[in-house]
Amino acid sequence: MSSFHELLSFIRDEVNSSLKNFSFPDHPKYLYDPIRNMISGKGKRYRPILVHLSGRAFRVDPNVLMDMSIAVEFMHNFTLAHDDIMDQDDQRHGKETVHKKWDVSSAILAGDGLFTISQLLINNLERYSNKIYYIFNKSALDICEGQALDIQFENDTSVSSEQYINMIKKKTGALLGACASMPALMAGKKGDTLKKIFKFGENLGCGYQIQDDLLEIYSDPLEMGKSLGSDVVSGKQTLMVILAREKQKNEWEKIINSNTKPSLKILRSFFSKFGIDQKAKYVAESYFNEARQCLREISDSDFSELFKFINLLEKRKY
């Protein structure tokens, strides 16, 4: 490959091709039509890409990595289907969510079906299948716990920055940790190496999620594929909301408790005026740097592509 971006495009195209050609049964359509719709979206495929990049560093068979990455993408879409129901989101990647296009029952069932298929894919891995199966399912449970905390925290003005970080470690960091560490486990790595490569993914996930909260305010809604500012208005406890409450409590309460919902312009102005956006960027940057440090502490592999992947995520605009 002549460039890193060409490599990513190649991996993404191969993943999309595998998703498109995945052999689902034709019936019952009530289950499989929504599933096909879910995985046909224009996702960035960062999680399966991370599986492949980690696997390349540890020299894992590409065919094994593809099965692993498809399982990860299926599980990710399972969580999105359920999250969209709980958050009452009608759009995902610029198109109708499953519960909006069909109904809530279809979305729940399709999500459950995808998760089950992801389990079957992981179960087919021969080498270290039991240990990989454990990491995969532990991350699934962590995601559920993280989502539960996210819902539990809504409109709770006592939530601290520490609690928020614990929540995103589970909701976002756990799966990226699994994406990075499952290929390492397949390559026979264990002990400190396995812990550090998981921690790399977890830190990457934390930086990614904090950055996502920033983009939810400052990005282009067409690029994000959803309306901006909705998380703040709905009472989500993002890092910027918590920092606003901690640093400018009275001013923030006037905005958030007004009779009319604050506009995106008002939110942007407030966060910028008091430097809250810059503080959140600094925290995100610290997690990206921690991810880099984890890689530096593993001496027996070439992580140049993973370092480039960190840079890519850190500089993304949507």
C-alpha atoms as a PDB file:
ATOM      1  CA  MET A   1       0.000   0.000   0.000  1.00  0.00           C
ATOM      2  CA  SER A   2       1.356   3.418  -0.988  1.00  0.00           C
ATOM      3  CA  SER A   3      -0.270   5.202   1.935  1.00  0.00           C
ATOM      4  CA  PHE A   4      -1.945   4.561   5.238  1.00  0.00           C
ATOM      5  CA  HIS A   5      -5.228   6.018   3.983  1.00  0.00           C
ATOM      6  CA  GLU A   6      -5.207   3.588   1.074  1.00  0.00           C
ATOM      7  CA  LEU A   7      -4.702   0.760   3.534  1.00  0.00           C
ATOM      8  CA  LEU A   8      -7.688   1.905   5.587  1.00  0.00           C
ATOM      9  CA  SER A   9      -9.818   2.234   2.456  1.00  0.00           C
ATOM     10  CA  PHE A  10      -8.812  -1.260   1.422  1.00  0.00           C
ATOM     11  CA  ILE A  11      -9.701  -2.734   4.837  1.00  0.00           C
ATOM     12  CA  ARG A  12     -12.988  -0.819   4.944  1.00  0.00           C
ATOM     13  CA  ASP A  13     -13.931  -1.996   1.458  1.00  0.00           C
ATOM     14  CA  GLU A  14     -13.109  -5.607   2.348  1.00  0.00           C
ATOM     15  CA  VAL A  15     -15.166  -5.375   5.546  1.00  0.00           C
ATOM     16  CA  ASN A  16     -18.100  -3.805   3.675  1.00  0.00           C
ATOM     17  CA  SER A  17     -17.874  -6.512   1.026  1.00  0.00           C
ATOM     18  CA  SER A  18     -17.902  -9.225   3.708  1.00  0.00           C
ATOM     19  CA  LEU A  19     -20.910  -7.601   5.373  1.00  0.00           C
ATOM     20  CA  LYS A  20     -22.749  -7.307   2.049  1.00  0.00           C
ATOM     21  CA  ASN A  21     -22.051 -10.916   1.125  1.00  0.00           C
ATOM     22  CA  PHE A  22     -22.699 -12.404   4.553  1.00  0.00           C
ATOM     23  CA  SER A  23     -25.078 -15.325   4.155  1.00  0.00           C
ATOM     24  CA  PHE A  24     -28.224 -14.600   6.151  1.00  0.00           C
ATOM     25  CA  PRO A  25     -31.302 -16.809   5.706  1.00  0.00           C
ATOM     26  CA  ASP A  26     -34.119 -15.386   3.588  1.00  0.00           C
ATOM     27  CA  HIS A  27     -36.760 -16.136   6.206  1.00  0.00           C
ATOM     28  CA  PRO A  28     -38.180 -14.971   8.486  1.00  0.00           C
ATOM     29  CA  LYS A  29     -38.016 -11.582   6.781  1.00  0.00           C
ATOM     30  CA  TYR A  30     -39.256  -9.910   9.977  1.00  0.00           C
ATOM     31  CA  LEU A  31     -35.857 -10.730  11.486  1.00  0.00           C
ATOM     32  CA  TYR A  32     -33.402 -10.650   8.585  1.00  0.00           C
ATOM     33  CA  ASP A  33     -34.610  -7.650   6.569  1.00  0.00           C
ATOM     34  CA  PRO A  34     -33.921  -5.243   9.466  1.00  0.00           C
ATOM     35  CA  ILE A  35     -30.571  -6.967  10.098  1.00  0.00           C
ATOM     36  CA  ARG A  36     -29.523  -6.473   6.468  1.00  0.00           C
ATOM     37  CA  ASN A  37     -30.575  -2.851   6.718  1.00  0.00           C
ATOM     38  CA  MET A  38     -28.580  -2.324   9.907  1.00  0.00           C
ATOM     39  CA  ILE A  39     -25.268  -3.515   8.507  1.00  0.00           C
ATOM     40  CA  SER A  40     -25.692  -1.733   5.152  1.00  0.00           C
ATOM     41  CA  GLY A  41     -25.231   1.694   6.718  1.00  0.00           C
ATOM     42  CA  LYS A  42     -22.304   3.957   5.911  1.00  0.00           C
ATOM     43  CA  GLY A  43     -20.464   3.357   9.159  1.00  0.00           C
ATOM     44  CA  LYS A  44     -16.818   4.347   9.512  1.00  0.00           C
ATOM     45  CA  ARG A  45     -15.943   0.740  10.470  1.00  0.00           C
ATOM     46  CA  TYR A  46     -13.294   1.946  12.922  1.00  0.00           C
ATOM     47  CA  ARG A  47     -13.737  -1.084  15.163  1.00  0.00           C
ATOM     48  CA  PRO A  48     -13.158  -3.767  12.500  1.00  0.00           C
ATOM     49  CA  ILE A  49     -10.323  -1.640  11.114  1.00  0.00           C
ATOM     50  CA  LEU A  50      -8.720  -1.661  14.570  1.00  0.00           C
ATOM     51  CA  VAL A  51      -9.019  -5.454  14.662  1.00  0.00           C
ATOM     52  CA  HIS A  52      -7.151  -5.689  11.353  1.00  0.00           C
ATOM     53  CA  LEU A  53      -4.460  -3.154  12.279  1.00  0.00           C
ATOM     54  CA  SER A  54      -3.791  -4.873  15.606  1.00  0.00           C
ATOM     55  CA  GLY A  55      -3.758  -8.233  13.828  1.00  0.00           C
ATOM     56  CA  ARG A  56      -1.271  -6.935  11.256  1.00  0.00           C
ATOM     57  CA  ALA A  57       1.029  -5.808  14.081  1.00  0.00           C
ATOM     58  CA  PHE A  58       0.860  -9.284  15.641  1.00  0.00           C
ATOM     59  CA  ARG A  59       0.972 -11.089  12.244  1.00  0.00           C
ATOM     60  CA  VAL A  60      -2.379 -12.851  12.523  1.00  0.00           C
ATOM     61  CA  ASP A  61      -3.971 -14.622   9.533  1.00  0.00           C
ATOM     62  CA  PRO A  62      -6.109 -12.032   7.616  1.00  0.00           C
ATOM     63  CA  ASN A  63      -8.950 -14.536   7.168  1.00  0.00           C
ATOM     64  CA  VAL A  64      -9.161 -15.006  10.931  1.00  0.00           C
ATOM     65  CA  LEU A  65      -9.076 -11.239  11.391  1.00  0.00           C
ATOM     66  CA  MET A  66     -11.982 -10.820   8.977  1.00  0.00           C
ATOM     67  CA  ASP A  67     -14.182 -13.245  10.931  1.00  0.00           C
ATOM     68  CA  MET A  68     -13.203 -11.495  14.157  1.00  0.00           C
ATOM     69  CA  SER A  69     -13.838  -8.025  12.716  1.00  0.00           C
ATOM     70  CA  ILE A  70     -17.268  -8.974  11.341  1.00  0.00           C
ATOM     71  CA  ALA A  71     -18.215 -10.360  14.757  1.00  0.00           C
ATOM     72  CA  VAL A  72     -17.153  -7.052  16.317  1.00  0.00           C
ATOM     73  CA  GLU A  73     -19.142  -5.034  13.783  1.00  0.00           C
ATOM     74  CA  PHE A  74     -22.220  -7.195  14.369  1.00  0.00           C
ATOM     75  CA  MET A  75     -21.968  -6.670  18.114  1.00  0.00           C
ATOM     76  CA  HIS A  76     -21.449  -2.936  17.631  1.00  0.00           C
ATOM     77  CA  ASN A  77     -24.592  -2.709  15.488  1.00  0.00           C
ATOM     78  CA  PHE A  78     -26.525  -4.727  18.051  1.00  0.00           C
ATOM     79  CA  THR A  79     -25.669  -2.087  20.662  1.00  0.00           C
ATOM     80  CA  LEU A  80     -26.575   0.761  18.287  1.00  0.00           C
ATOM     81  CA  ALA A  81     -30.019  -0.688  17.576  1.00  0.00           C
ATOM     82  CA  HIS A  82     -30.805  -0.865  21.285  1.00  0.00           C
ATOM     83  CA  ASP A  83     -29.185   2.502  22.058  1.00  0.00           C
ATOM     84  CA  ASP A  84     -31.290   4.207  19.385  1.00  0.00           C
ATOM     85  CA  ILE A  85     -34.447   2.867  20.999  1.00  0.00           C
ATOM     86  CA  MET A  86     -33.430   4.006  24.481  1.00  0.00           C
ATOM     87  CA  ASP A  87     -32.254   7.414  23.253  1.00  0.00           C
ATOM     88  CA  GLN A  88     -35.273   7.774  20.931  1.00  0.00           C
ATOM     89  CA  ASP A  89     -32.994   8.631  18.001  1.00  0.00           C
ATOM     90  CA  ASP A  90     -34.656   8.560  14.589  1.00  0.00           C
ATOM     91  CA  GLN A  91     -31.486   8.856  12.486  1.00  0.00           C
ATOM     92  CA  ARG A  92     -28.224   6.924  12.326  1.00  0.00           C
ATOM     93  CA  HIS A  93     -25.581   7.750   9.701  1.00  0.00           C
ATOM     94  CA  GLY A  94     -28.073   9.925   7.849  1.00  0.00           C
ATOM     95  CA  LYS A  95     -30.821   7.316   7.493  1.00  0.00           C
ATOM     96  CA  GLU A  96     -33.789   6.129   9.535  1.00  0.00           C
ATOM     97  CA  THR A  97     -32.995   3.952  12.531  1.00  0.00           C
ATOM     98  CA  VAL A  98     -34.403   0.430  12.580  1.00  0.00           C
ATOM     99  CA  HIS A  99     -37.114   1.140  15.142  1.00  0.00           C
ATOM    100  CA  LYS A 100     -38.199   4.158  13.100  1.00  0.00           C
ATOM    101  CA  LYS A 101     -38.180   2.356   9.728  1.00  0.00           C
ATOM    102  CA  TRP A 102     -39.886  -0.763  11.133  1.00  0.00           C
ATOM    103  CA  ASP A 103     -40.868  -0.778  14.806  1.00  0.00           C
ATOM    104  CA  VAL A 104     -39.349  -1.218  18.276  1.00  0.00           C
ATOM    105  CA  SER A 105     -39.991  -4.963  18.369  1.00  0.00           C
ATOM    106  CA  SER A 106     -38.181  -5.442  15.052  1.00  0.00           C
ATOM    107  CA  ALA A 107     -35.198  -3.422  16.254  1.00  0.00           C
ATOM    108  CA  ILE A 108     -34.893  -5.360  19.508  1.00  0.00           C
ATOM    109  CA  LEU A 109     -35.130  -8.704  17.727  1.00  0.00           C
ATOM    110  CA  ALA A 110     -32.687  -7.684  14.979  1.00  0.00           C
ATOM    111  CA  GLY A 111     -30.193  -6.514  17.580  1.00  0.00           C
ATOM    112  CA  ASP A 112     -30.517  -9.778  19.481  1.00  0.00           C
ATOM    113  CA  GLY A 113     -30.093 -11.732  16.265  1.00  0.00           C
ATOM    114  CA  LEU A 114     -26.914  -9.859  15.329  1.00  0.00           C
ATOM    115  CA  PHE A 115     -25.429 -10.404  18.772  1.00  0.00           C
ATOM    116  CA  THR A 116     -26.145 -14.130  18.561  1.00  0.00           C
ATOM    117  CA  ILE A 117     -24.539 -14.380  15.110  1.00  0.00           C
ATOM    118  CA  SER A 118     -21.481 -12.532  16.426  1.00  0.00           C
ATOM    119  CA  GLN A 119     -21.203 -15.175  19.143  1.00  0.00           C
ATOM    120  CA  LEU A 120     -21.283 -17.954  16.558  1.00  0.00           C
ATOM    121  CA  LEU A 121     -18.512 -16.284  14.566  1.00  0.00           C
ATOM    122  CA  ILE A 122     -16.255 -15.983  17.618  1.00  0.00           C
ATOM    123  CA  ASN A 123     -17.054 -19.552  18.598  1.00  0.00           C
ATOM    124  CA  ASN A 124     -15.740 -20.720  15.208  1.00  0.00           C
ATOM    125  CA  LEU A 125     -12.237 -19.440  15.964  1.00  0.00           C
ATOM    126  CA  GLU A 126     -10.164 -22.500  16.732  1.00  0.00           C
ATOM    127  CA  ARG A 127      -7.057 -21.185  18.469  1.00  0.00           C
ATOM    128  CA  TYR A 128      -7.598 -19.689  21.942  1.00  0.00           C
ATOM    129  CA  SER A 129     -11.331 -19.579  21.222  1.00  0.00           C
ATOM    130  CA  ASN A 130     -12.323 -19.848  24.893  1.00  0.00           C
ATOM    131  CA  LYS A 131     -10.143 -16.907  25.964  1.00  0.00           C
ATOM    132  CA  ILE A 132     -11.206 -14.777  23.005  1.00  0.00           C
ATOM    133  CA  TYR A 133     -14.820 -15.690  23.698  1.00  0.00           C
ATOM    134  CA  TYR A 134     -14.364 -14.443  27.266  1.00  0.00           C
ATOM    135  CA  ILE A 135     -12.862 -11.079  26.193  1.00  0.00           C
ATOM    136  CA  PHE A 136     -15.600 -10.631  23.604  1.00  0.00           C
ATOM    137  CA  ASN A 137     -18.420 -11.321  26.061  1.00  0.00           C
ATOM    138  CA  LYS A 138     -16.823  -9.328  28.869  1.00  0.00           C
ATOM    139  CA  SER A 139     -16.766  -6.313  26.553  1.00  0.00           C
ATOM    140  CA  ALA A 140     -20.444  -6.932  25.691  1.00  0.00           C
ATOM    141  CA  LEU A 141     -21.363  -6.882  29.381  1.00  0.00           C
ATOM    142  CA  ASP A 142     -19.263  -3.753  29.931  1.00  0.00           C
ATOM    143  CA  ILE A 143     -21.098  -2.028  27.068  1.00  0.00           C
ATOM    144  CA  CYS A 144     -24.444  -2.918  28.658  1.00  0.00           C
ATOM    145  CA  GLU A 145     -23.251  -1.566  32.011  1.00  0.00           C
ATOM    146  CA  GLY A 146     -21.967   1.596  30.334  1.00  0.00           C
ATOM    147  CA  GLN A 147     -25.262   2.148  28.554  1.00  0.00           C
ATOM    148  CA  ALA A 148     -27.137   1.569  31.812  1.00  0.00           C
ATOM    149  CA  LEU A 149     -24.990   4.200  33.520  1.00  0.00           C
ATOM    150  CA  ASP A 150     -25.491   6.604  30.611  1.00  0.00           C
ATOM    151  CA  ILE A 151     -29.269   6.299  30.970  1.00  0.00           C
ATOM    152  CA  GLN A 152     -29.073   6.399  34.773  1.00  0.00           C
ATOM    153  CA  PHE A 153     -27.002   9.592  34.639  1.00  0.00           C
ATOM    154  CA  GLU A 154     -29.532  11.516  32.515  1.00  0.00           C
ATOM    155  CA  ASN A 155     -30.574  14.751  34.271  1.00  0.00           C
ATOM    156  CA  ASP A 156     -28.518  13.765  37.321  1.00  0.00           C
ATOM    157  CA  THR A 157     -26.608  16.921  38.219  1.00  0.00           C
ATOM    158  CA  SER A 158     -24.527  15.104  40.842  1.00  0.00           C
ATOM    159  CA  VAL A 159     -22.588  13.051  38.263  1.00  0.00           C
ATOM    160  CA  SER A 160     -18.846  13.754  38.476  1.00  0.00           C
ATOM    161  CA  SER A 161     -16.134  13.715  35.823  1.00  0.00           C
ATOM    162  CA  GLU A 162     -14.774  10.536  37.411  1.00  0.00           C
ATOM    163  CA  GLN A 163     -18.136   8.794  37.080  1.00  0.00           C
ATOM    164  CA  TYR A 164     -18.410   9.930  33.476  1.00  0.00           C
ATOM    165  CA  ILE A 165     -14.957   8.507  32.659  1.00  0.00           C
ATOM    166  CA  ASN A 166     -15.894   5.191  34.275  1.00  0.00           C
ATOM    167  CA  MET A 167     -19.039   5.124  32.142  1.00  0.00           C
ATOM    168  CA  ILE A 168     -17.257   5.730  28.821  1.00  0.00           C
ATOM    169  CA  LYS A 169     -14.546   3.182  29.692  1.00  0.00           C
ATOM    170  CA  LYS A 170     -17.339   0.633  29.686  1.00  0.00           C
ATOM    171  CA  LYS A 171     -19.575   1.981  26.936  1.00  0.00           C
ATOM    172  CA  THR A 172     -16.848   2.796  24.395  1.00  0.00           C
ATOM    173  CA  GLY A 173     -13.456   1.781  25.743  1.00  0.00           C
ATOM    174  CA  ALA A 174     -14.252  -1.870  26.445  1.00  0.00           C
ATOM    175  CA  LEU A 175     -15.017  -2.827  22.840  1.00  0.00           C
ATOM    176  CA  LEU A 176     -11.978  -1.009  21.456  1.00  0.00           C
ATOM    177  CA  GLY A 177      -9.915  -2.787  24.100  1.00  0.00           C
ATOM    178  CA  ALA A 178     -11.316  -6.084  22.850  1.00  0.00           C
ATOM    179  CA  CYS A 179     -10.663  -5.123  19.213  1.00  0.00           C
ATOM    180  CA  ALA A 180      -7.000  -4.508  20.019  1.00  0.00           C
ATOM    181  CA  SER A 181      -6.424  -7.439  22.364  1.00  0.00           C
ATOM    182  CA  MET A 182      -8.266 -10.322  20.656  1.00  0.00           C
ATOM    183  CA  PRO A 183      -5.770 -10.443  17.742  1.00  0.00           C
ATOM    184  CA  ALA A 184      -2.906 -10.306  20.257  1.00  0.00           C
ATOM    185  CA  LEU A 185      -4.408 -13.253  22.075  1.00  0.00           C
ATOM    186  CA  MET A 186      -4.781 -15.107  18.773  1.00  0.00           C
ATOM    187  CA  ALA A 187      -1.047 -14.528  18.231  1.00  0.00           C
ATOM    188  CA  GLY A 188      -0.288 -16.182  21.567  1.00  0.00           C
ATOM    189  CA  LYS A 189       0.434 -13.007  23.529  1.00  0.00           C
ATOM    190  CA  LYS A 190      -0.350 -13.026  27.225  1.00  0.00           C
ATOM    191  CA  GLY A 191       0.380 -11.360  30.544  1.00  0.00           C
ATOM    192  CA  ASP A 192       1.659  -7.789  30.469  1.00  0.00           C
ATOM    193  CA  THR A 193       1.504  -7.493  26.674  1.00  0.00           C
ATOM    194  CA  LEU A 194      -2.164  -8.474  26.646  1.00  0.00           C
ATOM    195  CA  LYS A 195      -2.968  -6.006  29.451  1.00  0.00           C
ATOM    196  CA  LYS A 196      -1.164  -3.153  27.719  1.00  0.00           C
ATOM    197  CA  ILE A 197      -2.696  -3.707  24.302  1.00  0.00           C
ATOM    198  CA  PHE A 198      -6.156  -3.838  25.910  1.00  0.00           C
ATOM    199  CA  LYS A 199      -5.378  -0.643  27.820  1.00  0.00           C
ATOM    200  CA  PHE A 200      -4.288   0.950  24.550  1.00  0.00           C
ATOM    201  CA  GLY A 201      -7.728   0.250  23.069  1.00  0.00           C
ATOM    202  CA  GLU A 202      -9.541   1.364  26.210  1.00  0.00           C
ATOM    203  CA  ASN A 203      -7.677   4.699  26.290  1.00  0.00           C
ATOM    204  CA  LEU A 204      -8.292   5.129  22.580  1.00  0.00           C
ATOM    205  CA  GLY A 205     -11.998   4.595  23.223  1.00  0.00           C
ATOM    206  CA  CYS A 206     -12.094   7.195  25.997  1.00  0.00           C
ATOM    207  CA  GLY A 207     -10.392   9.794  23.817  1.00  0.00           C
ATOM    208  CA  TYR A 208     -12.735   8.895  20.964  1.00  0.00           C
ATOM    209  CA  GLN A 209     -15.871   9.279  23.100  1.00  0.00           C
ATOM    210  CA  ILE A 210     -14.878  12.626  24.617  1.00  0.00           C
ATOM    211  CA  GLN A 211     -14.061  13.827  21.125  1.00  0.00           C
ATOM    212  CA  ASP A 212     -17.468  12.542  19.983  1.00  0.00           C
ATOM    213  CA  ASP A 213     -19.117  14.700  22.665  1.00  0.00           C
ATOM    214  CA  LEU A 214     -17.226  17.698  21.268  1.00  0.00           C
ATOM    215  CA  LEU A 215     -18.219  16.889  17.693  1.00  0.00           C
ATOM    216  CA  GLU A 216     -21.835  16.608  18.837  1.00  0.00           C
ATOM    217  CA  ILE A 217     -21.607  20.354  19.454  1.00  0.00           C
ATOM    218  CA  TYR A 218     -19.055  21.650  16.961  1.00  0.00           C
ATOM    219  CA  SER A 219     -19.173  19.465  13.841  1.00  0.00           C
ATOM    220  CA  ASP A 220     -21.270  19.693  10.681  1.00  0.00           C
ATOM    221  CA  PRO A 221     -24.668  17.976  11.166  1.00  0.00           C
ATOM    222  CA  LEU A 222     -24.570  16.625   7.601  1.00  0.00           C
ATOM    223  CA  GLU A 223     -21.223  14.972   8.257  1.00  0.00           C
ATOM    224  CA  MET A 224     -22.317  13.608  11.637  1.00  0.00           C
ATOM    225  CA  GLY A 225     -25.552  12.294  10.136  1.00  0.00           C
ATOM    226  CA  LYS A 226     -27.674  13.553  13.026  1.00  0.00           C
ATOM    227  CA  SER A 227     -28.884  16.749  14.657  1.00  0.00           C
ATOM    228  CA  LEU A 228     -26.316  18.390  16.916  1.00  0.00           C
ATOM    229  CA  GLY A 229     -26.745  19.365  20.543  1.00  0.00           C
ATOM    230  CA  SER A 230     -29.470  16.799  21.177  1.00  0.00           C
ATOM    231  CA  ASP A 231     -27.498  14.954  23.875  1.00  0.00           C
ATOM    232  CA  VAL A 232     -27.095  18.111  25.960  1.00  0.00           C
ATOM    233  CA  VAL A 233     -30.731  19.159  25.531  1.00  0.00           C
ATOM    234  CA  SER A 234     -31.962  15.674  26.503  1.00  0.00           C
ATOM    235  CA  GLY A 235     -30.037  15.763  29.773  1.00  0.00           C
ATOM    236  CA  LYS A 236     -27.069  13.563  28.844  1.00  0.00           C
ATOM    237  CA  GLN A 237     -24.112  13.996  31.179  1.00  0.00           C
ATOM    238  CA  THR A 238     -21.269  14.621  28.740  1.00  0.00           C
ATOM    239  CA  LEU A 239     -17.878  15.820  29.911  1.00  0.00           C
ATOM    240  CA  MET A 240     -18.627  19.352  28.714  1.00  0.00           C
ATOM    241  CA  VAL A 241     -21.928  19.427  30.596  1.00  0.00           C
ATOM    242  CA  ILE A 242     -20.182  18.295  33.782  1.00  0.00           C
ATOM    243  CA  LEU A 243     -17.372  20.850  33.335  1.00  0.00           C
ATOM    244  CA  ALA A 244     -19.927  23.598  32.669  1.00  0.00           C
ATOM    245  CA  ARG A 245     -21.753  22.714  35.865  1.00  0.00           C
ATOM    246  CA  GLU A 246     -18.526  22.559  37.881  1.00  0.00           C
ATOM    247  CA  LYS A 247     -16.960  25.768  36.535  1.00  0.00           C
ATOM    248  CA  GLN A 248     -19.923  28.070  35.820  1.00  0.00           C
ATOM    249  CA  LYS A 249     -22.797  26.570  37.777  1.00  0.00           C
ATOM    250  CA  ASN A 250     -25.115  29.602  37.917  1.00  0.00           C
ATOM    251  CA  GLU A 251     -24.656  30.635  34.293  1.00  0.00           C
ATOM    252  CA  TRP A 252     -25.068  27.046  33.103  1.00  0.00           C
ATOM    253  CA  GLU A 253     -28.269  26.529  35.076  1.00  0.00           C
ATOM    254  CA  LYS A 254     -29.760  29.673  33.526  1.00  0.00           C
ATOM    255  CA  ILE A 255     -29.158  28.242  30.064  1.00  0.00           C
ATOM    256  CA  ILE A 256     -30.193  24.659  30.670  1.00  0.00           C
ATOM    257  CA  ASN A 257     -33.229  25.444  32.865  1.00  0.00           C
ATOM    258  CA  SER A 258     -34.702  28.166  30.652  1.00  0.00           C
ATOM    259  CA  ASN A 259     -38.225  27.787  29.289  1.00  0.00           C
ATOM    260  CA  THR A 260     -36.896  27.269  25.779  1.00  0.00           C
ATOM    261  CA  LYS A 261     -34.339  24.695  24.711  1.00  0.00           C
ATOM    262  CA  PRO A 262     -30.903  26.282  24.205  1.00  0.00           C
ATOM    263  CA  SER A 263     -29.910  26.612  20.570  1.00  0.00           C
ATOM    264  CA  LEU A 264     -26.714  25.142  19.199  1.00  0.00           C
ATOM    265  CA  LYS A 265     -25.406  28.701  18.804  1.00  0.00           C
ATOM    266  CA  ILE A 266     -25.965  29.433  22.500  1.00  0.00           C
ATOM    267  CA  LEU A 267     -24.294  26.169  23.564  1.00  0.00           C
ATOM    268  CA  ARG A 268     -21.292  26.784  21.346  1.00  0.00           C
ATOM    269  CA  SER A 269     -20.942  30.345  22.599  1.00  0.00           C
ATOM    270  CA  PHE A 270     -21.097  29.271  26.255  1.00  0.00           C
ATOM    271  CA  PHE A 271     -18.619  26.397  25.944  1.00  0.00           C
ATOM    272  CA  SER A 272     -16.166  28.560  24.001  1.00  0.00           C
ATOM    273  CA  LYS A 273     -16.511  31.644  26.232  1.00  0.00           C
ATOM    274  CA  PHE A 274     -15.530  29.740  29.373  1.00  0.00           C
ATOM    275  CA  GLY A 275     -12.918  27.514  27.754  1.00  0.00           C
ATOM    276  CA  ILE A 276     -14.897  24.346  28.398  1.00  0.00           C
ATOM    277  CA  ASP A 277     -14.358  23.106  24.855  1.00  0.00           C
ATOM    278  CA  GLN A 278     -10.592  23.514  25.251  1.00  0.00           C
ATOM    279  CA  LYS A 279     -10.608  21.678  28.586  1.00  0.00           C
ATOM    280  CA  ALA A 280     -12.527  18.773  27.035  1.00  0.00           C
ATOM    281  CA  LYS A 281     -10.075  18.701  24.111  1.00  0.00           C
ATOM    282  CA  TYR A 282      -7.197  18.559  26.584  1.00  0.00           C
ATOM    283  CA  VAL A 283      -8.753  15.577  28.396  1.00  0.00           C
ATOM    284  CA  ALA A 284      -9.372  13.766  25.085  1.00  0.00           C
ATOM    285  CA  GLU A 285      -5.778  14.479  24.059  1.00  0.00           C
ATOM    286  CA  SER A 286      -4.492  13.028  27.334  1.00  0.00           C
ATOM    287  CA  TYR A 287      -6.256   9.719  26.610  1.00  0.00           C
ATOM    288  CA  PHE A 288      -4.908   9.581  23.062  1.00  0.00           C
ATOM    289  CA  ASN A 289      -1.428  10.136  24.509  1.00  0.00           C
ATOM    290  CA  GLU A 290      -1.996   7.392  27.082  1.00  0.00           C
ATOM    291  CA  ALA A 291      -2.924   5.069  24.203  1.00  0.00           C
ATOM    292  CA  ARG A 292       0.374   5.935  22.508  1.00  0.00           C
ATOM    293  CA  GLN A 293       2.307   5.261  25.706  1.00  0.00           C
ATOM    294  CA  CYS A 294       0.739   1.815  26.043  1.00  0.00           C
ATOM    295  CA  LEU A 295       2.051   0.903  22.594  1.00  0.00           C
ATOM    296  CA  ARG A 296       5.533   2.221  23.404  1.00  0.00           C
ATOM    297  CA  GLU A 297       5.683  -0.142  26.376  1.00  0.00           C
ATOM    298  CA  ILE A 298       5.267  -3.206  24.136  1.00  0.00           C
ATOM    299  CA  SER A 299       8.649  -3.888  22.568  1.00  0.00           C
ATOM    300  CA  ASP A 300       8.236  -6.878  20.256  1.00  0.00           C
ATOM    301  CA  SER A 301       5.865  -5.594  17.554  1.00  0.00           C
ATOM    302  CA  ASP A 302       5.682  -2.880  14.890  1.00  0.00           C
ATOM    303  CA  PHE A 303       2.850  -0.538  15.876  1.00  0.00           C
ATOM    304  CA  SER A 304       3.509   2.168  13.274  1.00  0.00           C
ATOM    305  CA  GLU A 305       0.063   1.641  11.723  1.00  0.00           C
ATOM    306  CA  LEU A 306      -1.646   1.820  15.115  1.00  0.00           C
ATOM    307  CA  PHE A 307       0.152   5.094  15.888  1.00  0.00           C
ATOM    308  CA  LYS A 308      -1.172   6.456  12.589  1.00  0.00           C
ATOM    309  CA  PHE A 309      -4.640   5.213  13.514  1.00  0.00           C
ATOM    310  CA  ILE A 310      -4.500   7.169  16.789  1.00  0.00           C
ATOM    311  CA  ASN A 311      -3.546  10.289  14.819  1.00  0.00           C
ATOM    312  CA  LEU A 312      -6.428   9.711  12.412  1.00  0.00           C
ATOM    313  CA  LEU A 313      -9.028   9.419  15.182  1.00  0.00           C
ATOM    314  CA  GLU A 314      -7.626  12.374  17.086  1.00  0.00           C
ATOM    315  CA  LYS A 315      -7.901  14.651  14.041  1.00  0.00           C
ATOM    316  CA  ARG A 316     -11.277  13.463  12.728  1.00  0.00           C
ATOM    317  CA  LYS A 317     -14.009  16.002  12.004  1.00  0.00           C
ATOM    318  CA  TYR A 318     -17.022  13.646  12.226  1.00  0.00           C
END
